Amino acid sequence: MTLTRVPGLMVLGSIALLAGCGSATTLKPPKGQPLPVAPYGATATPTPADLIKPSNQARPERSDEVLKNSQQRRGDDFDLPPPN
């Protein structure tokens, strides 16, 4: 191999590795292995779809829309000049 081909092969290899990261397929346990046990306090064992769904803590929703509720800020009483 020449030194001019090495960077090209590295780029192609990196693209091939990164292409596998974005695949979204159904989650299945390995053959012969059961699903994980139910978490403490849960009434049932979670399904594979439940395991890949992000929790509210992992993906919180916005409680306010900034562009629709923009308001003028009131004056800050403690915004004083620095002492000399």
PDB file of N, CA and C in Angstrom:
ATOM      1  N   MET A   1       0.837  -1.187   0.000  1.00  0.00           N
ATOM      2  CA  MET A   1       0.000   0.000   0.000  1.00  0.00           C
ATOM      3  C   MET A   1       0.875   1.241   0.000  1.00  0.00           C
ATOM      4  N   THR A   2       0.427   2.181  -0.728  1.00  0.00           N
ATOM      5  CA  THR A   2       1.169   3.437  -0.721  1.00  0.00           C
ATOM      6  C   THR A   2       0.587   4.357   0.335  1.00  0.00           C
ATOM      7  N   LEU A   3       1.325   5.359   0.689  1.00  0.00           N
ATOM      8  CA  LEU A   3       0.874   6.282   1.724  1.00  0.00           C
ATOM      9  C   LEU A   3      -0.295   7.141   1.265  1.00  0.00           C
ATOM     10  N   THR A   4      -0.527   7.243  -0.031  1.00  0.00           N
ATOM     11  CA  THR A   4      -1.657   8.045  -0.504  1.00  0.00           C
ATOM     12  C   THR A   4      -2.972   7.299  -0.348  1.00  0.00           C
ATOM     13  N   ARG A   5      -2.941   5.987  -0.285  1.00  0.00           N
ATOM     14  CA  ARG A   5      -4.170   5.199  -0.143  1.00  0.00           C
ATOM     15  C   ARG A   5      -4.607   5.050   1.314  1.00  0.00           C
ATOM     16  N   VAL A   6      -3.686   5.161   2.228  1.00  0.00           N
ATOM     17  CA  VAL A   6      -3.996   4.952   3.646  1.00  0.00           C
ATOM     18  C   VAL A   6      -5.044   5.938   4.157  1.00  0.00           C
ATOM     19  N   PRO A   7      -4.925   7.245   3.911  1.00  0.00           N
ATOM     20  CA  PRO A   7      -5.975   8.157   4.400  1.00  0.00           C
ATOM     21  C   PRO A   7      -7.338   7.867   3.780  1.00  0.00           C
ATOM     22  N   GLY A   8      -7.348   7.499   2.505  1.00  0.00           N
ATOM     23  CA  GLY A   8      -8.616   7.172   1.855  1.00  0.00           C
ATOM     24  C   GLY A   8      -9.266   5.950   2.481  1.00  0.00           C
ATOM     25  N   LEU A   9      -8.471   4.938   2.777  1.00  0.00           N
ATOM     26  CA  LEU A   9      -9.011   3.744   3.421  1.00  0.00           C
ATOM     27  C   LEU A   9      -9.481   4.046   4.839  1.00  0.00           C
ATOM     28  N   MET A  10      -8.784   4.932   5.520  1.00  0.00           N
ATOM     29  CA  MET A  10      -9.208   5.300   6.869  1.00  0.00           C
ATOM     30  C   MET A  10     -10.541   6.038   6.837  1.00  0.00           C
ATOM     31  N   VAL A  11     -10.723   6.906   5.858  1.00  0.00           N
ATOM     32  CA  VAL A  11     -11.985   7.639   5.734  1.00  0.00           C
ATOM     33  C   VAL A  11     -13.115   6.676   5.408  1.00  0.00           C
ATOM     34  N   LEU A  12     -12.889   5.762   4.466  1.00  0.00           N
ATOM     35  CA  LEU A  12     -13.933   4.792   4.117  1.00  0.00           C
ATOM     36  C   LEU A  12     -14.266   3.882   5.298  1.00  0.00           C
ATOM     37  N   GLY A  13     -13.258   3.476   6.033  1.00  0.00           N
ATOM     38  CA  GLY A  13     -13.504   2.647   7.212  1.00  0.00           C
ATOM     39  C   GLY A  13     -14.291   3.387   8.277  1.00  0.00           C
ATOM     40  N   SER A  14     -13.973   4.661   8.467  1.00  0.00           N
ATOM     41  CA  SER A  14     -14.707   5.469   9.449  1.00  0.00           C
ATOM     42  C   SER A  14     -16.162   5.638   9.043  1.00  0.00           C
ATOM     43  N   ILE A  15     -16.403   5.865   7.757  1.00  0.00           N
ATOM     44  CA  ILE A  15     -17.779   6.011   7.272  1.00  0.00           C
ATOM     45  C   ILE A  15     -18.544   4.713   7.465  1.00  0.00           C
ATOM     46  N   ALA A  16     -17.906   3.587   7.194  1.00  0.00           N
ATOM     47  CA  ALA A  16     -18.579   2.299   7.368  1.00  0.00           C
ATOM     48  C   ALA A  16     -18.915   2.047   8.834  1.00  0.00           C
ATOM     49  N   LEU A  17     -18.011   2.416   9.736  1.00  0.00           N
ATOM     50  CA  LEU A  17     -18.286   2.231  11.161  1.00  0.00           C
ATOM     51  C   LEU A  17     -19.412   3.136  11.636  1.00  0.00           C
ATOM     52  N   LEU A  18     -19.412   4.372  11.179  1.00  0.00           N
ATOM     53  CA  LEU A  18     -20.448   5.309  11.605  1.00  0.00           C
ATOM     54  C   LEU A  18     -21.803   4.981  10.992  1.00  0.00           C
ATOM     55  N   ALA A  19     -21.829   4.344   9.850  1.00  0.00           N
ATOM     56  CA  ALA A  19     -23.100   3.985   9.223  1.00  0.00           C
ATOM     57  C   ALA A  19     -23.849   2.965  10.074  1.00  0.00           C
ATOM     58  N   GLY A  20     -23.148   2.111  10.768  1.00  0.00           N
ATOM     59  CA  GLY A  20     -23.798   1.122  11.615  1.00  0.00           C
ATOM     60  C   GLY A  20     -24.353   1.707  12.895  1.00  0.00           C
ATOM     61  N   CYS A  21     -23.900   2.883  13.297  1.00  0.00           N
ATOM     62  CA  CYS A  21     -24.368   3.496  14.538  1.00  0.00           C
ATOM     63  C   CYS A  21     -25.801   3.988  14.430  1.00  0.00           C
ATOM     64  N   GLY A  22     -26.236   4.363  13.249  1.00  0.00           N
ATOM     65  CA  GLY A  22     -27.557   4.959  13.099  1.00  0.00           C
ATOM     66  C   GLY A  22     -28.655   3.976  12.804  1.00  0.00           C
ATOM     67  N   SER A  23     -28.366   2.690  12.782  1.00  0.00           N
ATOM     68  CA  SER A  23     -29.418   1.736  12.451  1.00  0.00           C
ATOM     69  C   SER A  23     -30.391   1.611  13.610  1.00  0.00           C
ATOM     70  N   ALA A  24     -31.665   1.666  13.286  1.00  0.00           N
ATOM     71  CA  ALA A  24     -32.713   1.559  14.306  1.00  0.00           C
ATOM     72  C   ALA A  24     -33.545   0.322  13.996  1.00  0.00           C
ATOM     73  N   THR A  25     -33.278  -0.742  14.687  1.00  0.00           N
ATOM     74  CA  THR A  25     -34.035  -1.974  14.496  1.00  0.00           C
ATOM     75  C   THR A  25     -34.716  -2.328  15.805  1.00  0.00           C
ATOM     76  N   THR A  26     -35.583  -3.311  15.732  1.00  0.00           N
ATOM     77  CA  THR A  26     -36.287  -3.721  16.942  1.00  0.00           C
ATOM     78  C   THR A  26     -35.301  -4.353  17.915  1.00  0.00           C
ATOM     79  N   LEU A  27     -35.548  -4.145  19.172  1.00  0.00           N
ATOM     80  CA  LEU A  27     -34.683  -4.649  20.222  1.00  0.00           C
ATOM     81  C   LEU A  27     -35.152  -6.043  20.608  1.00  0.00           C
ATOM     82  N   LYS A  28     -34.254  -7.010  20.570  1.00  0.00           N
ATOM     83  CA  LYS A  28     -34.598  -8.390  20.905  1.00  0.00           C
ATOM     84  C   LYS A  28     -33.570  -8.926  21.896  1.00  0.00           C
ATOM     85  N   PRO A  29     -34.007  -9.747  22.841  1.00  0.00           N
ATOM     86  CA  PRO A  29     -33.018 -10.353  23.738  1.00  0.00           C
ATOM     87  C   PRO A  29     -32.239 -11.431  22.984  1.00  0.00           C
ATOM     88  N   PRO A  30     -31.033 -11.753  23.417  1.00  0.00           N
ATOM     89  CA  PRO A  30     -30.283 -12.838  22.777  1.00  0.00           C
ATOM     90  C   PRO A  30     -31.053 -14.149  22.882  1.00  0.00           C
ATOM     91  N   LYS A  31     -30.822 -15.040  21.923  1.00  0.00           N
ATOM     92  CA  LYS A  31     -31.538 -16.322  21.917  1.00  0.00           C
ATOM     93  C   LYS A  31     -31.245 -17.088  23.200  1.00  0.00           C
ATOM     94  N   GLY A  32     -32.295 -17.570  23.806  1.00  0.00           N
ATOM     95  CA  GLY A  32     -32.169 -18.334  25.034  1.00  0.00           C
ATOM     96  C   GLY A  32     -32.074 -17.486  26.291  1.00  0.00           C
ATOM     97  N   GLN A  33     -32.075 -16.173  26.157  1.00  0.00           N
ATOM     98  CA  GLN A  33     -31.981 -15.283  27.307  1.00  0.00           C
ATOM     99  C   GLN A  33     -33.315 -14.564  27.510  1.00  0.00           C
ATOM    100  N   PRO A  34     -33.783 -14.458  28.747  1.00  0.00           N
ATOM    101  CA  PRO A  34     -35.038 -13.738  28.996  1.00  0.00           C
ATOM    102  C   PRO A  34     -34.810 -12.229  28.996  1.00  0.00           C
ATOM    103  N   LEU A  35     -35.895 -11.495  28.993  1.00  0.00           N
ATOM    104  CA  LEU A  35     -35.809 -10.044  29.135  1.00  0.00           C
ATOM    105  C   LEU A  35     -35.307  -9.710  30.537  1.00  0.00           C
ATOM    106  N   PRO A  36     -34.807  -8.523  30.760  1.00  0.00           N
ATOM    107  CA  PRO A  36     -34.365  -8.147  32.109  1.00  0.00           C
ATOM    108  C   PRO A  36     -35.526  -8.217  33.098  1.00  0.00           C
ATOM    109  N   VAL A  37     -35.198  -8.384  34.344  1.00  0.00           N
ATOM    110  CA  VAL A  37     -36.233  -8.463  35.371  1.00  0.00           C
ATOM    111  C   VAL A  37     -36.933  -7.121  35.497  1.00  0.00           C
ATOM    112  N   ALA A  38     -38.142  -7.157  36.029  1.00  0.00           N
ATOM    113  CA  ALA A  38     -38.913  -5.923  36.199  1.00  0.00           C
ATOM    114  C   ALA A  38     -38.238  -5.037  37.240  1.00  0.00           C
ATOM    115  N   PRO A  39     -38.201  -3.740  37.021  1.00  0.00           N
ATOM    116  CA  PRO A  39     -37.617  -2.837  38.013  1.00  0.00           C
ATOM    117  C   PRO A  39     -38.398  -2.879  39.319  1.00  0.00           C
ATOM    118  N   TYR A  40     -37.748  -2.453  40.390  1.00  0.00           N
ATOM    119  CA  TYR A  40     -38.380  -2.452  41.700  1.00  0.00           C
ATOM    120  C   TYR A  40     -39.627  -1.580  41.668  1.00  0.00           C
ATOM    121  N   GLY A  41     -40.737  -2.133  42.076  1.00  0.00           N
ATOM    122  CA  GLY A  41     -41.992  -1.399  42.123  1.00  0.00           C
ATOM    123  C   GLY A  41     -42.816  -1.511  40.860  1.00  0.00           C
ATOM    124  N   ALA A  42     -42.270  -2.067  39.790  1.00  0.00           N
ATOM    125  CA  ALA A  42     -43.033  -2.203  38.545  1.00  0.00           C
ATOM    126  C   ALA A  42     -43.933  -3.424  38.636  1.00  0.00           C
ATOM    127  N   THR A  43     -45.066  -3.349  37.966  1.00  0.00           N
ATOM    128  CA  THR A  43     -46.006  -4.467  38.008  1.00  0.00           C
ATOM    129  C   THR A  43     -45.722  -5.500  36.936  1.00  0.00           C
ATOM    130  N   ALA A  44     -44.993  -5.127  35.877  1.00  0.00           N
ATOM    131  CA  ALA A  44     -44.719  -6.059  34.786  1.00  0.00           C
ATOM    132  C   ALA A  44     -43.307  -5.833  34.259  1.00  0.00           C
ATOM    133  N   THR A  45     -42.800  -6.853  33.574  1.00  0.00           N
ATOM    134  CA  THR A  45     -41.501  -6.722  32.920  1.00  0.00           C
ATOM    135  C   THR A  45     -41.651  -5.821  31.704  1.00  0.00           C
ATOM    136  N   PRO A  46     -40.775  -4.847  31.510  1.00  0.00           N
ATOM    137  CA  PRO A  46     -40.909  -3.952  30.364  1.00  0.00           C
ATOM    138  C   PRO A  46     -40.687  -4.689  29.044  1.00  0.00           C
ATOM    139  N   THR A  47     -41.412  -4.265  28.017  1.00  0.00           N
ATOM    140  CA  THR A  47     -41.260  -4.835  26.678  1.00  0.00           C
ATOM    141  C   THR A  47     -40.037  -4.207  26.014  1.00  0.00           C
ATOM    142  N   PRO A  48     -39.553  -4.799  24.927  1.00  0.00           N
ATOM    143  CA  PRO A  48     -38.424  -4.172  24.227  1.00  0.00           C
ATOM    144  C   PRO A  48     -38.724  -2.740  23.785  1.00  0.00           C
ATOM    145  N   ALA A  49     -39.957  -2.450  23.385  1.00  0.00           N
ATOM    146  CA  ALA A  49     -40.306  -1.084  22.980  1.00  0.00           C
ATOM    147  C   ALA A  49     -40.213  -0.130  24.171  1.00  0.00           C
ATOM    148  N   ASP A  50     -40.593  -0.605  25.351  1.00  0.00           N
ATOM    149  CA  ASP A  50     -40.492   0.234  26.550  1.00  0.00           C
ATOM    150  C   ASP A  50     -39.034   0.517  26.918  1.00  0.00           C
ATOM    151  N   LEU A  51     -38.151  -0.430  26.632  1.00  0.00           N
ATOM    152  CA  LEU A  51     -36.748  -0.265  27.006  1.00  0.00           C
ATOM    153  C   LEU A  51     -36.027   0.768  26.144  1.00  0.00           C
ATOM    154  N   ILE A  52     -36.458   0.951  24.887  1.00  0.00           N
ATOM    155  CA  ILE A  52     -35.772   1.918  24.028  1.00  0.00           C
ATOM    156  C   ILE A  52     -36.442   3.282  24.030  1.00  0.00           C
ATOM    157  N   LYS A  53     -37.616   3.411  24.654  1.00  0.00           N
ATOM    158  CA  LYS A  53     -38.296   4.702  24.728  1.00  0.00           C
ATOM    159  C   LYS A  53     -37.621   5.542  25.814  1.00  0.00           C
ATOM    160  N   PRO A  54     -37.156   6.770  25.478  1.00  0.00           N
ATOM    161  CA  PRO A  54     -36.497   7.591  26.499  1.00  0.00           C
ATOM    162  C   PRO A  54     -37.491   8.063  27.553  1.00  0.00           C
ATOM    163  N   SER A  55     -37.016   8.174  28.766  1.00  0.00           N
ATOM    164  CA  SER A  55     -37.875   8.616  29.859  1.00  0.00           C
ATOM    165  C   SER A  55     -38.084  10.124  29.785  1.00  0.00           C
ATOM    166  N   ASN A  56     -39.023  10.624  30.570  1.00  0.00           N
ATOM    167  CA  ASN A  56     -39.263  12.063  30.623  1.00  0.00           C
ATOM    168  C   ASN A  56     -38.054  12.801  31.173  1.00  0.00           C
ATOM    169  N   GLN A  57     -37.322  12.163  32.049  1.00  0.00           N
ATOM    170  CA  GLN A  57     -36.139  12.798  32.610  1.00  0.00           C
ATOM    171  C   GLN A  57     -35.020  12.879  31.566  1.00  0.00           C
ATOM    172  N   ALA A  58     -34.943  11.888  30.683  1.00  0.00           N
ATOM    173  CA  ALA A  58     -33.918  11.902  29.647  1.00  0.00           C
ATOM    174  C   ALA A  58     -34.245  12.880  28.535  1.00  0.00           C
ATOM    175  N   ARG A  59     -35.519  13.106  28.266  1.00  0.00           N
ATOM    176  CA  ARG A  59     -35.938  14.017  27.201  1.00  0.00           C
ATOM    177  C   ARG A  59     -37.096  14.869  27.706  1.00  0.00           C
ATOM    178  N   PRO A  60     -36.823  15.878  28.527  1.00  0.00           N
ATOM    179  CA  PRO A  60     -37.904  16.687  29.091  1.00  0.00           C
ATOM    180  C   PRO A  60     -38.543  17.582  28.034  1.00  0.00           C
ATOM    181  N   GLU A  61     -39.791  17.931  28.267  1.00  0.00           N
ATOM    182  CA  GLU A  61     -40.502  18.836  27.374  1.00  0.00           C
ATOM    183  C   GLU A  61     -40.382  20.258  27.910  1.00  0.00           C
ATOM    184  N   ARG A  62     -40.470  21.220  27.015  1.00  0.00           N
ATOM    185  CA  ARG A  62     -40.431  22.623  27.434  1.00  0.00           C
ATOM    186  C   ARG A  62     -41.755  22.984  28.075  1.00  0.00           C
ATOM    187  N   SER A  63     -41.702  23.731  29.135  1.00  0.00           N
ATOM    188  CA  SER A  63     -42.929  24.145  29.807  1.00  0.00           C
ATOM    189  C   SER A  63     -43.431  25.484  29.294  1.00  0.00           C
ATOM    190  N   ASP A  64     -42.600  26.192  28.549  1.00  0.00           N
ATOM    191  CA  ASP A  64     -43.033  27.476  28.008  1.00  0.00           C
ATOM    192  C   ASP A  64     -42.401  27.681  26.639  1.00  0.00           C
ATOM    193  N   GLU A  65     -43.082  28.375  25.787  1.00  0.00           N
ATOM    194  CA  GLU A  65     -42.565  28.687  24.459  1.00  0.00           C
ATOM    195  C   GLU A  65     -41.988  30.094  24.500  1.00  0.00           C
ATOM    196  N   VAL A  66     -40.708  30.211  24.298  1.00  0.00           N
ATOM    197  CA  VAL A  66     -40.027  31.489  24.454  1.00  0.00           C
ATOM    198  C   VAL A  66     -40.520  32.503  23.422  1.00  0.00           C
ATOM    199  N   LEU A  67     -40.712  32.071  22.188  1.00  0.00           N
ATOM    200  CA  LEU A  67     -41.079  33.020  21.140  1.00  0.00           C
ATOM    201  C   LEU A  67     -42.506  33.533  21.286  1.00  0.00           C
ATOM    202  N   LYS A  68     -43.381  32.759  21.892  1.00  0.00           N
ATOM    203  CA  LYS A  68     -44.774  33.187  22.048  1.00  0.00           C
ATOM    204  C   LYS A  68     -44.987  33.983  23.331  1.00  0.00           C
ATOM    205  N   ASN A  69     -44.179  33.746  24.335  1.00  0.00           N
ATOM    206  CA  ASN A  69     -44.376  34.385  25.631  1.00  0.00           C
ATOM    207  C   ASN A  69     -43.279  35.395  25.955  1.00  0.00           C
ATOM    208  N   SER A  70     -42.699  36.020  24.941  1.00  0.00           N
ATOM    209  CA  SER A  70     -41.643  36.984  25.240  1.00  0.00           C
ATOM    210  C   SER A  70     -42.262  38.231  25.856  1.00  0.00           C
ATOM    211  N   GLN A  71     -41.705  38.646  26.968  1.00  0.00           N
ATOM    212  CA  GLN A  71     -42.214  39.807  27.695  1.00  0.00           C
ATOM    213  C   GLN A  71     -41.035  40.683  28.096  1.00  0.00           C
ATOM    214  N   GLN A  72     -41.321  41.940  28.291  1.00  0.00           N
ATOM    215  CA  GLN A  72     -40.290  42.867  28.745  1.00  0.00           C
ATOM    216  C   GLN A  72     -39.927  42.526  30.186  1.00  0.00           C
ATOM    217  N   ARG A  73     -38.646  42.455  30.481  1.00  0.00           N
ATOM    218  CA  ARG A  73     -38.219  42.173  31.849  1.00  0.00           C
ATOM    219  C   ARG A  73     -38.437  43.391  32.725  1.00  0.00           C
ATOM    220  N   ARG A  74     -38.798  43.151  33.972  1.00  0.00           N
ATOM    221  CA  ARG A  74     -38.944  44.263  34.902  1.00  0.00           C
ATOM    222  C   ARG A  74     -37.565  44.668  35.392  1.00  0.00           C
ATOM    223  N   GLY A  75     -37.481  45.857  35.924  1.00  0.00           N
ATOM    224  CA  GLY A  75     -36.203  46.384  36.381  1.00  0.00           C
ATOM    225  C   GLY A  75     -35.621  45.566  37.518  1.00  0.00           C
ATOM    226  N   ASP A  76     -34.311  45.474  37.556  1.00  0.00           N
ATOM    227  CA  ASP A  76     -33.615  44.745  38.607  1.00  0.00           C
ATOM    228  C   ASP A  76     -33.209  45.735  39.692  1.00  0.00           C
ATOM    229  N   ASP A  77     -33.797  45.589  40.881  1.00  0.00           N
ATOM    230  CA  ASP A  77     -33.516  46.510  41.981  1.00  0.00           C
ATOM    231  C   ASP A  77     -32.075  46.400  42.483  1.00  0.00           C
ATOM    232  N   PHE A  78     -31.429  45.287  42.238  1.00  0.00           N
ATOM    233  CA  PHE A  78     -30.082  45.068  42.753  1.00  0.00           C
ATOM    234  C   PHE A  78     -29.010  45.296  41.693  1.00  0.00           C
ATOM    235  N   ASP A  79     -29.375  45.859  40.552  1.00  0.00           N
ATOM    236  CA  ASP A  79     -28.414  46.151  39.493  1.00  0.00           C
ATOM    237  C   ASP A  79     -27.763  47.500  39.790  1.00  0.00           C
ATOM    238  N   LEU A  80     -26.834  47.484  40.713  1.00  0.00           N
ATOM    239  CA  LEU A  80     -26.177  48.706  41.168  1.00  0.00           C
ATOM    240  C   LEU A  80     -24.802  48.828  40.520  1.00  0.00           C
ATOM    241  N   PRO A  81     -24.304  50.050  40.371  1.00  0.00           N
ATOM    242  CA  PRO A  81     -22.949  50.200  39.831  1.00  0.00           C
ATOM    243  C   PRO A  81     -21.926  49.684  40.838  1.00  0.00           C
ATOM    244  N   PRO A  82     -20.767  49.282  40.360  1.00  0.00           N
ATOM    245  CA  PRO A  82     -19.751  48.770  41.289  1.00  0.00           C
ATOM    246  C   PRO A  82     -19.247  49.881  42.204  1.00  0.00           C
ATOM    247  N   PRO A  83     -18.863  49.531  43.441  1.00  0.00           N
ATOM    248  CA  PRO A  83     -18.351  50.556  44.358  1.00  0.00           C
ATOM    249  C   PRO A  83     -16.985  51.048  43.884  1.00  0.00           C
ATOM    250  N   ASN A  84     -16.705  52.318  44.160  1.00  0.00           N
ATOM    251  CA  ASN A  84     -15.417  52.906  43.750  1.00  0.00           C
ATOM    252  C   ASN A  84     -14.360  52.696  44.782  1.00  0.00           C
TER     253      ASN A  84
END
